[in-house]
Protein backbone atom coordinates (compact mmCIF):
# COMPACT_ATOMS: atom_id res chain seq x y z
CA UNK A 1 8.85 -9.60 -5.32
CA UNK A 2 10.39 -6.87 -7.42
CA UNK A 3 7.72 -4.65 -6.58
CA UNK A 4 8.48 -4.34 -3.17
CA UNK A 5 11.58 -3.32 -4.09
CA UNK A 6 11.27 -0.93 -6.85
CA UNK A 7 8.72 0.53 -4.36
CA UNK A 8 10.95 0.74 -1.32
CA UNK A 9 13.68 2.12 -2.95
CA UNK A 10 11.67 5.09 -4.83
CA UNK A 11 10.24 5.67 -1.50
CA UNK A 12 13.88 6.10 -0.04
CA UNK A 13 15.09 8.34 -2.63
CA UNK A 14 11.70 10.87 -2.46
CA UNK A 15 12.72 11.08 1.61
CA UNK A 16 16.38 12.16 0.68
CA UNK A 17 14.96 14.86 -1.69
CA UNK A 18 11.96 15.67 -0.10
CA UNK A 19 13.48 16.68 2.87
CA UNK A 20 15.81 19.05 1.90
CA UNK A 21 13.83 21.56 2.54
CA UNK A 22 13.63 20.48 6.17
CA UNK A 23 15.83 22.37 8.84
CA UNK A 24 18.38 20.17 9.57
CA UNK A 25 21.55 20.45 10.58
CA UNK A 26 25.08 18.16 9.31
CA UNK A 27 26.01 15.35 11.13
CA UNK A 28 22.70 14.85 13.35
CA UNK A 29 20.79 11.49 12.81
CA UNK A 30 17.97 11.17 10.61
CA UNK A 31 15.32 8.42 12.20
CA UNK A 32 12.66 7.38 9.57
CA UNK A 33 10.39 4.70 10.93
CA UNK A 34 9.49 2.05 8.71
CA UNK A 35 6.65 -0.06 8.73
CA UNK A 36 6.16 -3.28 6.48
CA UNK A 37 5.08 -6.81 7.31
CA UNK A 38 8.08 -8.52 9.10
CA UNK A 39 5.80 -11.75 10.27
CA UNK A 40 2.74 -13.34 9.19
CA UNK A 41 1.87 -14.54 5.57
CA UNK A 42 2.38 -11.27 3.96
CA UNK A 43 5.90 -11.20 5.20
CA UNK A 44 7.69 -13.52 2.49
CA UNK A 45 6.24 -11.78 -0.58
CA UNK A 46 6.25 -8.53 0.63
CA UNK A 47 7.11 -7.27 3.59
CA UNK A 48 10.65 -8.82 3.97
CA UNK A 49 11.35 -8.16 0.22
CA UNK A 50 10.71 -4.73 1.21
CA UNK A 51 12.87 -4.33 4.12
CA UNK A 52 15.73 -5.73 2.16
CA UNK A 53 15.20 -2.90 -0.48
CA UNK A 54 15.02 -0.49 1.99
CA UNK A 55 18.34 -1.52 3.62
CA UNK A 56 19.80 -1.57 0.65
CA UNK A 57 18.90 2.19 -0.22
CA UNK A 58 19.43 3.51 2.96
CA UNK A 59 22.97 1.98 3.23
CA UNK A 60 23.64 3.61 -0.30
CA UNK A 61 21.79 7.31 0.76
CA UNK A 62 24.24 6.92 3.89
CA UNK A 63 27.40 6.11 1.63
CA UNK A 64 26.58 8.47 -0.87
CA UNK A 65 26.57 6.08 -3.89
CA UNK A 66 23.30 6.62 -5.69
CA UNK A 67 23.15 7.65 -8.89
CA UNK A 68 22.67 11.36 -10.04
CA UNK A 69 21.13 13.45 -9.37
CA UNK A 70 21.35 12.47 -5.68
CA UNK A 71 24.96 13.33 -4.34
CA UNK A 72 26.22 13.88 -1.04
CA UNK A 73 25.73 11.11 1.87
CA UNK A 74 22.82 10.83 4.48
CA UNK A 75 19.99 13.61 4.18
CA UNK A 76 21.81 16.92 4.43
CA UNK A 77 24.47 15.39 6.15
CA UNK A 78 22.46 13.53 8.61
CA UNK A 79 22.77 9.31 8.56
CA UNK A 80 19.52 7.34 8.10
CA UNK A 81 18.83 5.36 11.21
CA UNK A 82 16.10 3.03 10.38
CA UNK A 83 13.68 2.45 13.32
CA UNK A 84 11.89 -1.09 11.98
CA UNK A 85 8.03 -1.77 13.06
CA UNK A 86 6.49 -4.91 11.80
CA UNK A 87 2.81 -4.46 10.39
CA UNK A 88 1.36 -7.57 11.76
CA UNK A 89 -1.35 -7.16 13.87
CA UNK A 90 -4.09 -4.78 12.61
CA UNK A 91 -4.92 -1.14 11.99
CA UNK A 92 -5.87 -0.59 15.82
CA UNK A 93 -2.26 -1.80 16.76
CA UNK A 94 -0.55 0.21 13.85
CA UNK A 95 -2.26 3.79 14.87
CA UNK A 96 -1.06 2.42 18.36
CA UNK A 97 2.61 1.47 16.68
CA UNK A 98 2.45 4.51 14.89
CA UNK A 99 2.60 6.81 18.07
CA UNK A 100 4.95 5.08 19.53
CA UNK A 101 7.32 5.89 16.75
CA UNK A 102 6.45 9.42 16.72
CA UNK A 103 6.46 10.51 20.60
CA UNK A 104 8.75 7.43 22.10
CA UNK A 105 10.84 7.25 18.99
CA UNK A 106 11.20 10.73 18.01
CA UNK A 107 11.32 9.42 14.33
CA UNK A 108 11.59 12.50 11.96
CA UNK A 109 9.45 10.49 8.81
CA UNK A 110 7.37 7.16 8.48
CA UNK A 111 7.53 4.86 5.39
CA UNK A 112 5.14 1.97 5.07
CA UNK A 113 1.93 0.51 5.10
CA UNK A 114 1.12 -2.47 2.52
CA UNK A 115 -2.11 -3.24 4.12
CA UNK A 116 -4.72 -1.35 2.82
CA UNK A 117 -6.78 -1.09 5.91
CA UNK A 118 -3.70 -0.02 7.89
CA UNK A 119 -3.42 3.05 4.88
CA UNK A 120 -7.03 3.69 5.87
CA UNK A 121 -6.39 4.19 9.48
CA UNK A 122 -2.60 5.40 9.44
CA UNK A 123 -3.43 9.07 7.65
CA UNK A 124 -5.90 10.50 10.19
CA UNK A 125 -2.93 10.09 13.60
CA UNK A 126 -0.04 11.41 10.78
CA UNK A 127 -2.41 14.50 10.35
CA UNK A 128 -2.62 14.93 13.99
CA UNK A 129 0.91 14.20 15.13
CA UNK A 130 1.83 16.39 11.99
CA UNK A 131 4.33 13.32 10.86
CA UNK A 132 5.56 13.26 7.66
CA UNK A 133 4.34 9.87 6.39
CA UNK A 134 4.79 8.39 2.67
CA UNK A 135 2.51 5.32 2.06
CA UNK A 136 4.29 3.24 -0.09
CA UNK A 137 2.64 0.45 -1.41
CA UNK A 138 -1.03 -0.21 -0.35
CA UNK A 139 -3.58 -0.71 -3.22
CA UNK A 140 -6.81 0.99 -1.84
CA UNK A 141 -7.76 4.42 -3.72
CA UNK A 142 -9.80 5.46 -0.56
CA UNK A 143 -7.22 7.35 0.60
CA UNK A 144 -7.04 10.50 -1.09
CA UNK A 145 -10.50 9.75 -2.51
CA UNK A 146 -12.28 10.26 1.06
CA UNK A 147 -9.97 13.21 2.46
CA UNK A 148 -6.98 15.37 2.44
CA UNK A 149 -3.79 15.39 4.13
CA UNK A 150 -0.96 17.71 4.39
CA UNK A 151 1.29 15.43 6.02
CA UNK A 152 0.41 12.18 4.02
CA UNK A 153 1.81 11.12 0.69
CA UNK A 154 1.68 8.27 -1.10
CA UNK A 155 4.16 6.64 -4.14
CA UNK A 156 2.15 3.83 -5.45
CA UNK A 157 -0.47 3.54 -7.82
CA UNK A 158 -4.18 2.55 -6.75
CA UNK A 159 -5.91 -0.49 -7.64
CA UNK A 160 -8.50 1.38 -9.46
CA UNK A 161 -6.90 1.57 -12.92
CA UNK A 162 -6.11 -2.49 -12.73
CA UNK A 163 -9.79 -2.73 -12.26
CA UNK A 164 -11.46 -0.52 -14.99
CA UNK A 165 -8.88 -1.79 -17.12
CA UNK A 166 -10.41 -5.33 -16.27
CA UNK A 167 -13.56 -4.06 -16.53
CA UNK A 168 -12.93 -2.69 -20.12
CA UNK A 169 -11.45 -5.51 -21.74
CA UNK A 170 -14.22 -7.94 -20.46
CA UNK A 171 -16.77 -5.46 -22.10
CA UNK A 172 -15.00 -5.05 -25.24
CA UNK A 173 -14.08 -8.69 -25.56
CA UNK A 174 -17.33 -10.14 -24.39
CA UNK A 175 -20.09 -8.23 -25.97
CA UNK A 176 -23.01 -10.91 -25.04
CA UNK A 177 -22.19 -10.78 -21.40
CA UNK A 178 -24.98 -10.54 -19.24
CA UNK A 179 -23.73 -11.47 -15.90
CA UNK A 180 -20.31 -11.83 -13.60
CA UNK A 181 -19.45 -13.19 -10.31
CA UNK A 182 -16.48 -12.51 -8.72
CA UNK A 183 -14.29 -13.92 -5.23
CA UNK A 184 -11.93 -11.08 -3.86
CA UNK A 185 -10.20 -10.88 -0.09
CA UNK A 186 -12.56 -9.65 2.68
CA UNK A 187 -10.16 -6.26 3.72
CA UNK A 188 -10.37 -3.47 2.02
CA UNK A 189 -8.37 -4.07 -1.05
CA UNK A 190 -10.18 -7.02 -2.46
CA UNK A 191 -13.46 -5.07 -1.46
CA UNK A 192 -12.33 -1.72 -3.35
CA UNK A 193 -11.16 -3.94 -6.25
CA UNK A 194 -14.48 -5.44 -6.92
CA UNK A 195 -15.96 -2.32 -6.77
CA UNK A 196 -14.12 -0.47 -8.90
CA UNK A 197 -14.61 -3.69 -11.48
CA UNK A 198 -18.14 -4.26 -11.41
CA UNK A 199 -19.21 -0.45 -11.35
CA UNK A 200 -16.93 0.21 -14.37
CA UNK A 201 -18.63 -2.59 -16.06
CA UNK A 202 -22.45 -1.34 -15.36
CA UNK A 203 -21.61 2.41 -16.61
CA UNK A 204 -19.79 0.34 -19.47
CA UNK A 205 -23.25 -1.45 -20.59
CA UNK A 206 -25.74 1.23 -19.11
CA UNK A 207 -26.36 -0.94 -16.33
CA UNK A 208 -27.18 -3.88 -18.14
CA UNK A 209 -25.52 -6.55 -15.50
CA UNK A 210 -26.08 -8.89 -13.09
CA UNK A 211 -23.97 -10.19 -10.22
CA UNK A 212 -24.87 -13.68 -9.52
CA UNK A 213 -22.49 -13.74 -6.10
CA UNK A 214 -19.77 -12.01 -4.80
CA UNK A 215 -17.62 -13.87 -2.27
CA UNK A 216 -14.98 -13.00 0.56
CA UNK A 217 -13.41 -15.31 1.91
CA UNK A 218 -11.07 -14.53 4.70
CA UNK A 219 -7.44 -13.29 3.91
CA UNK A 220 -5.38 -15.88 3.92
CA UNK A 221 -7.59 -18.57 4.93
CA UNK A 222 -6.04 -21.01 2.36
CA UNK A 223 -8.59 -22.75 1.66
CA UNK A 224 -11.73 -21.82 -0.76
CA UNK A 225 -13.63 -24.62 -1.61
CA UNK A 226 -16.86 -23.52 -0.55
CA UNK A 227 -16.06 -20.09 -2.50
CA UNK A 228 -15.28 -22.04 -5.65
CA UNK A 229 -18.24 -24.64 -5.51
CA UNK A 230 -20.50 -21.22 -4.91
CA UNK A 231 -19.14 -19.88 -8.11
CA UNK A 232 -19.65 -22.99 -9.95
CA UNK A 233 -23.62 -23.63 -9.26
CA UNK A 234 -23.93 -20.12 -10.63
CA UNK A 235 -21.91 -21.22 -13.00
CA UNK A 236 -24.29 -24.14 -13.89
CA UNK A 237 -27.45 -22.52 -13.72
CA UNK A 238 -26.71 -19.94 -16.06
């Protein structure tokens, strides 16, 4: 639960300093759209802690109690009013919710998105609407690998470094490795992670690597007996 807390705090501070250059006026409201999981399986470990962190930091910004070098109350004197959106529902729903934040609610900026699938869908809409958007948690590296954006930023590292490091560790510590099998979640983050891991191993080993099985169970399925059995069968057959 620490990572969402620290990430949300970092984002809020970044929004405070980054928005200083905007043409704003004292005593006006600064409406900040905040998108995180408020329901569903991801709300407990990710979404609710992120919301709690955002509330904590927004209160500190509005009260002027953030540590140096942040000074003053609000954003150039404008008190932040959060507008929360539940991230549950998938990418199509989130693009519609994003438009509502901009066109109906009139937010000044948007911070959010835990799901890698949502992070891949939102930037194009943010660019179309010219809305400052900060992606604060999603792990997929593809957001900026596949496109360039003027209004979209991220404050969180991608999963690539973790999976490349894991592949290097395996390569260095299992010199006689001939094959690998994997089980990952069946959405953008899981597929990207497995790709980075296996492709790095292939490069390190000169292409001499067999992938015996790739299992991608449904996200939050809760039961993985079939996938574990497939991994065990492959191990026995080896």
